[in-house]
Amino acid sequence: MTQLYLFEKEEVMKRTDYVATIMQEWYDAMDTHNISVQPKASTILGTILAKHLNEEEDVFDRYMNTKGGEFDAFWKSLSNDEKAYVEKRRQEMRDEYYAKRDLVDEYKTKVLLKG
């Protein structure tokens, strides 16, 4: 599971962080005009920008970031559609993980023997 999380994290790191870009432009403009600001004001601005600019975390992101002790309550709070979505995304990540590393997913190759 940790490997799958790290794989997803690599993809997230490639996305543009608009909050950081805006904050840097703001700092540059303030420096140009020789204006200083209290650090707390920067924190407040960054928080507000993040709230309005960043994409809302979808149910799969919440699934990936839920701590073990909170997982049971989280899973019970999901609708059947959300659970199906999480399972679909989880399986897609698993398939992609195995494919990129030329590995065989033994879970898929298991056959139920009737006796």
N, C-alpha and C. Protein backbone atom coordinates (compact mmCIF):
# COMPACT_ATOMS: atom_id res chain seq x y z
N MET A 1 0.83 -1.19 0.00
CA MET A 1 0.00 0.00 0.00
C MET A 1 0.87 1.25 0.00
N THR A 2 1.98 1.21 0.74
CA THR A 2 2.87 2.37 0.78
C THR A 2 3.41 2.67 -0.61
N GLN A 3 3.77 1.63 -1.35
CA GLN A 3 4.30 1.83 -2.69
C GLN A 3 3.27 2.51 -3.59
N LEU A 4 2.01 2.09 -3.47
CA LEU A 4 0.97 2.70 -4.29
C LEU A 4 0.80 4.16 -3.93
N TYR A 5 0.85 4.48 -2.63
CA TYR A 5 0.72 5.86 -2.18
C TYR A 5 1.86 6.71 -2.73
N LEU A 6 3.07 6.20 -2.69
CA LEU A 6 4.22 6.95 -3.20
C LEU A 6 4.09 7.18 -4.69
N PHE A 7 3.56 6.20 -5.41
CA PHE A 7 3.37 6.33 -6.85
C PHE A 7 2.39 7.47 -7.14
N GLU A 8 1.28 7.53 -6.39
CA GLU A 8 0.30 8.60 -6.58
C GLU A 8 0.91 9.95 -6.19
N LYS A 9 1.73 9.95 -5.16
CA LYS A 9 2.34 11.20 -4.69
C LYS A 9 3.24 11.80 -5.78
N GLU A 10 3.92 10.96 -6.54
CA GLU A 10 4.75 11.45 -7.64
C GLU A 10 3.91 12.22 -8.65
N GLU A 11 2.73 11.71 -8.95
CA GLU A 11 1.83 12.37 -9.90
C GLU A 11 1.33 13.70 -9.34
N VAL A 12 1.03 13.74 -8.06
CA VAL A 12 0.53 14.97 -7.43
C VAL A 12 1.60 16.05 -7.47
N MET A 13 2.85 15.67 -7.29
CA MET A 13 3.94 16.64 -7.24
C MET A 13 4.14 17.33 -8.60
N LYS A 14 3.67 16.74 -9.68
CA LYS A 14 3.83 17.31 -11.01
C LYS A 14 2.81 18.42 -11.30
N ARG A 15 1.76 18.51 -10.48
CA ARG A 15 0.72 19.51 -10.71
C ARG A 15 1.22 20.90 -10.32
N THR A 16 0.65 21.93 -10.94
CA THR A 16 1.00 23.30 -10.66
C THR A 16 0.39 23.73 -9.32
N ASP A 17 1.20 24.36 -8.49
CA ASP A 17 0.71 24.88 -7.21
C ASP A 17 0.45 26.37 -7.39
N TYR A 18 -0.80 26.71 -7.66
CA TYR A 18 -1.16 28.09 -7.91
C TYR A 18 -0.95 28.97 -6.69
N VAL A 19 -1.18 28.43 -5.52
CA VAL A 19 -1.01 29.22 -4.30
C VAL A 19 0.44 29.68 -4.17
N ALA A 20 1.38 28.77 -4.35
CA ALA A 20 2.79 29.12 -4.25
C ALA A 20 3.19 30.14 -5.31
N THR A 21 2.68 29.98 -6.51
CA THR A 21 2.99 30.92 -7.60
C THR A 21 2.48 32.32 -7.28
N ILE A 22 1.23 32.41 -6.83
CA ILE A 22 0.65 33.71 -6.50
C ILE A 22 1.39 34.35 -5.32
N MET A 23 1.68 33.54 -4.31
CA MET A 23 2.40 34.07 -3.14
C MET A 23 3.77 34.60 -3.54
N GLN A 24 4.48 33.90 -4.43
CA GLN A 24 5.80 34.35 -4.86
C GLN A 24 5.71 35.66 -5.64
N GLU A 25 4.71 35.77 -6.52
CA GLU A 25 4.52 37.02 -7.25
C GLU A 25 4.20 38.17 -6.29
N TRP A 26 3.41 37.87 -5.28
CA TRP A 26 3.06 38.88 -4.27
C TRP A 26 4.30 39.35 -3.52
N TYR A 27 5.14 38.38 -3.09
CA TYR A 27 6.39 38.74 -2.41
C TYR A 27 7.30 39.57 -3.31
N ASP A 28 7.41 39.19 -4.58
CA ASP A 28 8.26 39.92 -5.52
C ASP A 28 7.77 41.35 -5.72
N ALA A 29 6.45 41.52 -5.87
CA ALA A 29 5.89 42.86 -6.05
C ALA A 29 6.11 43.71 -4.80
N MET A 30 5.95 43.11 -3.65
CA MET A 30 6.17 43.85 -2.41
C MET A 30 7.63 44.25 -2.26
N ASP A 31 8.53 43.35 -2.64
CA ASP A 31 9.96 43.65 -2.57
C ASP A 31 10.33 44.78 -3.53
N THR A 32 9.74 44.79 -4.71
CA THR A 32 9.99 45.83 -5.70
C THR A 32 9.60 47.20 -5.16
N HIS A 33 8.49 47.25 -4.43
CA HIS A 33 7.99 48.52 -3.88
C HIS A 33 8.46 48.77 -2.45
N ASN A 34 9.42 47.94 -1.99
CA ASN A 34 10.00 48.08 -0.66
C ASN A 34 8.93 48.07 0.44
N ILE A 35 8.03 47.12 0.34
CA ILE A 35 6.96 46.96 1.33
C ILE A 35 7.22 45.67 2.09
N SER A 36 7.06 45.72 3.40
CA SER A 36 7.20 44.50 4.19
C SER A 36 5.84 44.13 4.78
N VAL A 37 5.72 42.89 5.19
CA VAL A 37 4.46 42.40 5.74
C VAL A 37 4.77 41.48 6.92
N GLN A 38 3.85 41.43 7.85
CA GLN A 38 4.00 40.54 9.00
C GLN A 38 3.87 39.09 8.53
N PRO A 39 4.67 38.18 9.07
CA PRO A 39 4.59 36.77 8.66
C PRO A 39 3.19 36.18 8.82
N LYS A 40 2.48 36.60 9.85
CA LYS A 40 1.13 36.07 10.08
C LYS A 40 0.20 36.44 8.91
N ALA A 41 0.39 37.63 8.34
CA ALA A 41 -0.43 38.05 7.20
C ALA A 41 -0.17 37.14 5.99
N SER A 42 1.07 36.75 5.80
CA SER A 42 1.40 35.83 4.71
C SER A 42 0.74 34.48 4.90
N THR A 43 0.73 34.01 6.14
CA THR A 43 0.10 32.73 6.45
C THR A 43 -1.39 32.79 6.18
N ILE A 44 -2.02 33.88 6.61
CA ILE A 44 -3.46 34.05 6.40
C ILE A 44 -3.78 34.10 4.91
N LEU A 45 -3.00 34.86 4.15
CA LEU A 45 -3.23 34.95 2.71
C LEU A 45 -3.06 33.59 2.04
N GLY A 46 -2.01 32.88 2.41
CA GLY A 46 -1.78 31.55 1.83
C GLY A 46 -2.92 30.59 2.13
N THR A 47 -3.44 30.64 3.33
CA THR A 47 -4.56 29.78 3.72
C THR A 47 -5.81 30.09 2.92
N ILE A 48 -6.10 31.38 2.75
CA ILE A 48 -7.28 31.79 1.99
C ILE A 48 -7.14 31.40 0.52
N LEU A 49 -5.96 31.62 -0.05
CA LEU A 49 -5.74 31.24 -1.44
C LEU A 49 -5.88 29.73 -1.64
N ALA A 50 -5.31 28.97 -0.72
CA ALA A 50 -5.39 27.52 -0.83
C ALA A 50 -6.84 27.04 -0.77
N LYS A 51 -7.62 27.68 0.07
CA LYS A 51 -9.03 27.31 0.21
C LYS A 51 -9.79 27.52 -1.08
N HIS A 52 -9.47 28.61 -1.79
CA HIS A 52 -10.25 28.95 -2.99
C HIS A 52 -9.65 28.47 -4.30
N LEU A 53 -8.35 28.23 -4.34
CA LEU A 53 -7.72 27.89 -5.62
C LEU A 53 -7.47 26.40 -5.82
N ASN A 54 -7.17 25.70 -4.78
CA ASN A 54 -6.83 24.28 -4.94
C ASN A 54 -8.08 23.46 -5.17
N GLU A 55 -7.90 22.41 -5.95
CA GLU A 55 -9.00 21.51 -6.25
C GLU A 55 -9.43 20.83 -4.95
N GLU A 56 -10.72 20.58 -4.84
CA GLU A 56 -11.21 19.89 -3.66
C GLU A 56 -10.76 18.44 -3.71
N GLU A 57 -10.37 17.93 -2.57
CA GLU A 57 -9.88 16.57 -2.47
C GLU A 57 -11.03 15.59 -2.73
N ASP A 58 -10.85 14.68 -3.65
CA ASP A 58 -11.93 13.74 -3.93
C ASP A 58 -11.88 12.58 -2.94
N VAL A 59 -12.85 11.71 -3.01
CA VAL A 59 -13.00 10.64 -2.03
C VAL A 59 -11.79 9.70 -2.07
N PHE A 60 -11.19 9.50 -3.23
CA PHE A 60 -10.02 8.62 -3.30
C PHE A 60 -8.82 9.25 -2.60
N ASP A 61 -8.65 10.56 -2.72
CA ASP A 61 -7.56 11.23 -2.00
C ASP A 61 -7.77 11.12 -0.50
N ARG A 62 -9.01 11.27 -0.07
CA ARG A 62 -9.30 11.10 1.36
C ARG A 62 -9.01 9.67 1.79
N TYR A 63 -9.35 8.70 0.95
CA TYR A 63 -9.06 7.29 1.22
C TYR A 63 -7.55 7.08 1.41
N MET A 64 -6.77 7.66 0.52
CA MET A 64 -5.31 7.49 0.59
C MET A 64 -4.70 8.18 1.81
N ASN A 65 -5.33 9.22 2.31
CA ASN A 65 -4.77 10.00 3.41
C ASN A 65 -5.40 9.69 4.76
N THR A 66 -6.33 8.75 4.82
CA THR A 66 -6.97 8.41 6.09
C THR A 66 -6.04 7.56 6.93
N LYS A 67 -5.90 7.92 8.19
CA LYS A 67 -5.04 7.17 9.11
C LYS A 67 -5.72 5.86 9.48
N GLY A 68 -4.93 4.87 9.84
CA GLY A 68 -5.44 3.54 10.14
C GLY A 68 -6.53 3.53 11.20
N GLY A 69 -6.34 4.31 12.25
CA GLY A 69 -7.31 4.34 13.34
C GLY A 69 -8.63 4.98 12.94
N GLU A 70 -8.63 5.77 11.88
CA GLU A 70 -9.83 6.46 11.42
C GLU A 70 -10.47 5.78 10.22
N PHE A 71 -9.81 4.73 9.72
CA PHE A 71 -10.25 4.14 8.46
C PHE A 71 -11.63 3.50 8.54
N ASP A 72 -11.91 2.77 9.60
CA ASP A 72 -13.20 2.08 9.70
C ASP A 72 -14.36 3.07 9.65
N ALA A 73 -14.25 4.15 10.40
CA ALA A 73 -15.31 5.17 10.40
C ALA A 73 -15.40 5.84 9.03
N PHE A 74 -14.25 6.10 8.41
CA PHE A 74 -14.24 6.71 7.08
C PHE A 74 -14.96 5.80 6.08
N TRP A 75 -14.60 4.51 6.08
CA TRP A 75 -15.17 3.58 5.11
C TRP A 75 -16.68 3.44 5.30
N LYS A 76 -17.12 3.41 6.56
CA LYS A 76 -18.56 3.29 6.84
C LYS A 76 -19.32 4.54 6.42
N SER A 77 -18.64 5.68 6.36
CA SER A 77 -19.31 6.93 5.99
C SER A 77 -19.53 7.07 4.49
N LEU A 78 -18.88 6.21 3.69
CA LEU A 78 -18.99 6.31 2.24
C LEU A 78 -20.26 5.64 1.73
N SER A 79 -20.80 6.19 0.65
CA SER A 79 -21.94 5.57 -0.02
C SER A 79 -21.42 4.39 -0.86
N ASN A 80 -22.33 3.58 -1.35
CA ASN A 80 -21.92 2.44 -2.19
C ASN A 80 -21.23 2.91 -3.47
N ASP A 81 -21.71 4.02 -4.04
CA ASP A 81 -21.08 4.57 -5.24
C ASP A 81 -19.66 5.03 -4.95
N GLU A 82 -19.46 5.68 -3.80
CA GLU A 82 -18.12 6.15 -3.42
C GLU A 82 -17.19 4.96 -3.18
N LYS A 83 -17.70 3.92 -2.54
CA LYS A 83 -16.88 2.72 -2.30
C LYS A 83 -16.48 2.08 -3.63
N ALA A 84 -17.42 2.02 -4.57
CA ALA A 84 -17.12 1.45 -5.88
C ALA A 84 -16.06 2.29 -6.60
N TYR A 85 -16.18 3.61 -6.49
CA TYR A 85 -15.20 4.51 -7.11
C TYR A 85 -13.81 4.29 -6.52
N VAL A 86 -13.74 4.19 -5.19
CA VAL A 86 -12.46 3.97 -4.52
C VAL A 86 -11.85 2.65 -4.97
N GLU A 87 -12.65 1.60 -5.01
CA GLU A 87 -12.14 0.30 -5.43
C GLU A 87 -11.67 0.32 -6.88
N LYS A 88 -12.40 1.01 -7.73
CA LYS A 88 -12.01 1.13 -9.14
C LYS A 88 -10.66 1.85 -9.27
N ARG A 89 -10.53 2.98 -8.58
CA ARG A 89 -9.27 3.74 -8.64
C ARG A 89 -8.12 2.95 -8.03
N ARG A 90 -8.39 2.25 -6.93
CA ARG A 90 -7.36 1.46 -6.27
C ARG A 90 -6.86 0.36 -7.22
N GLN A 91 -7.79 -0.29 -7.91
CA GLN A 91 -7.41 -1.35 -8.84
C GLN A 91 -6.65 -0.78 -10.04
N GLU A 92 -7.06 0.40 -10.53
CA GLU A 92 -6.33 1.04 -11.63
C GLU A 92 -4.90 1.35 -11.21
N MET A 93 -4.72 1.86 -10.01
CA MET A 93 -3.37 2.16 -9.52
C MET A 93 -2.55 0.88 -9.39
N ARG A 94 -3.19 -0.16 -8.88
CA ARG A 94 -2.50 -1.44 -8.73
C ARG A 94 -2.06 -1.97 -10.08
N ASP A 95 -2.97 -1.94 -11.06
CA ASP A 95 -2.64 -2.42 -12.40
C ASP A 95 -1.49 -1.60 -13.00
N GLU A 96 -1.56 -0.30 -12.85
CA GLU A 96 -0.52 0.56 -13.40
C GLU A 96 0.82 0.31 -12.72
N TYR A 97 0.80 0.11 -11.41
CA TYR A 97 2.01 -0.17 -10.65
C TYR A 97 2.68 -1.44 -11.17
N TYR A 98 1.90 -2.51 -11.32
CA TYR A 98 2.46 -3.77 -11.80
C TYR A 98 2.93 -3.65 -13.25
N ALA A 99 2.17 -2.96 -14.08
CA ALA A 99 2.53 -2.83 -15.50
C ALA A 99 3.83 -2.05 -15.67
N LYS A 100 4.00 -0.96 -14.93
CA LYS A 100 5.22 -0.15 -15.08
C LYS A 100 6.47 -0.90 -14.64
N ARG A 101 6.31 -1.87 -13.77
CA ARG A 101 7.47 -2.60 -13.25
C ARG A 101 7.60 -4.00 -13.86
N ASP A 102 6.78 -4.27 -14.87
CA ASP A 102 6.78 -5.58 -15.53
C ASP A 102 6.63 -6.73 -14.54
N LEU A 103 5.70 -6.56 -13.60
CA LEU A 103 5.44 -7.58 -12.61
C LEU A 103 4.11 -8.26 -12.93
N VAL A 104 3.91 -9.43 -12.34
CA VAL A 104 2.66 -10.16 -12.52
C VAL A 104 1.86 -10.05 -11.23
N ASP A 105 0.63 -9.64 -11.34
CA ASP A 105 -0.26 -9.54 -10.19
C ASP A 105 -0.85 -10.92 -9.93
N GLU A 106 -0.31 -11.62 -8.95
CA GLU A 106 -0.75 -12.98 -8.68
C GLU A 106 -2.19 -13.03 -8.18
N TYR A 107 -2.68 -11.93 -7.64
CA TYR A 107 -4.06 -11.87 -7.18
C TYR A 107 -5.03 -12.10 -8.34
N LYS A 108 -4.68 -11.58 -9.52
CA LYS A 108 -5.54 -11.73 -10.69
C LYS A 108 -5.43 -13.12 -11.32
N THR A 109 -4.31 -13.81 -11.09
CA THR A 109 -4.10 -15.10 -11.75
C THR A 109 -4.58 -16.28 -10.91
N LYS A 110 -5.06 -16.02 -9.71
CA LYS A 110 -5.54 -17.10 -8.86
C LYS A 110 -6.83 -17.67 -9.43
N VAL A 111 -6.94 -18.98 -9.36
CA VAL A 111 -8.13 -19.68 -9.87
C VAL A 111 -8.71 -20.51 -8.74
N LEU A 112 -10.01 -20.46 -8.60
CA LEU A 112 -10.69 -21.25 -7.58
C LEU A 112 -10.79 -22.69 -8.08
N LEU A 113 -10.23 -23.59 -7.30
CA LEU A 113 -10.26 -25.00 -7.67
C LEU A 113 -11.50 -25.64 -7.05
N LYS A 114 -12.24 -26.36 -7.88
CA LYS A 114 -13.43 -27.06 -7.39
C LYS A 114 -13.05 -28.53 -7.14
N GLY A 115 -13.49 -29.04 -6.04
CA GLY A 115 -13.06 -30.40 -5.75
C GLY A 115 -14.14 -31.30 -5.30
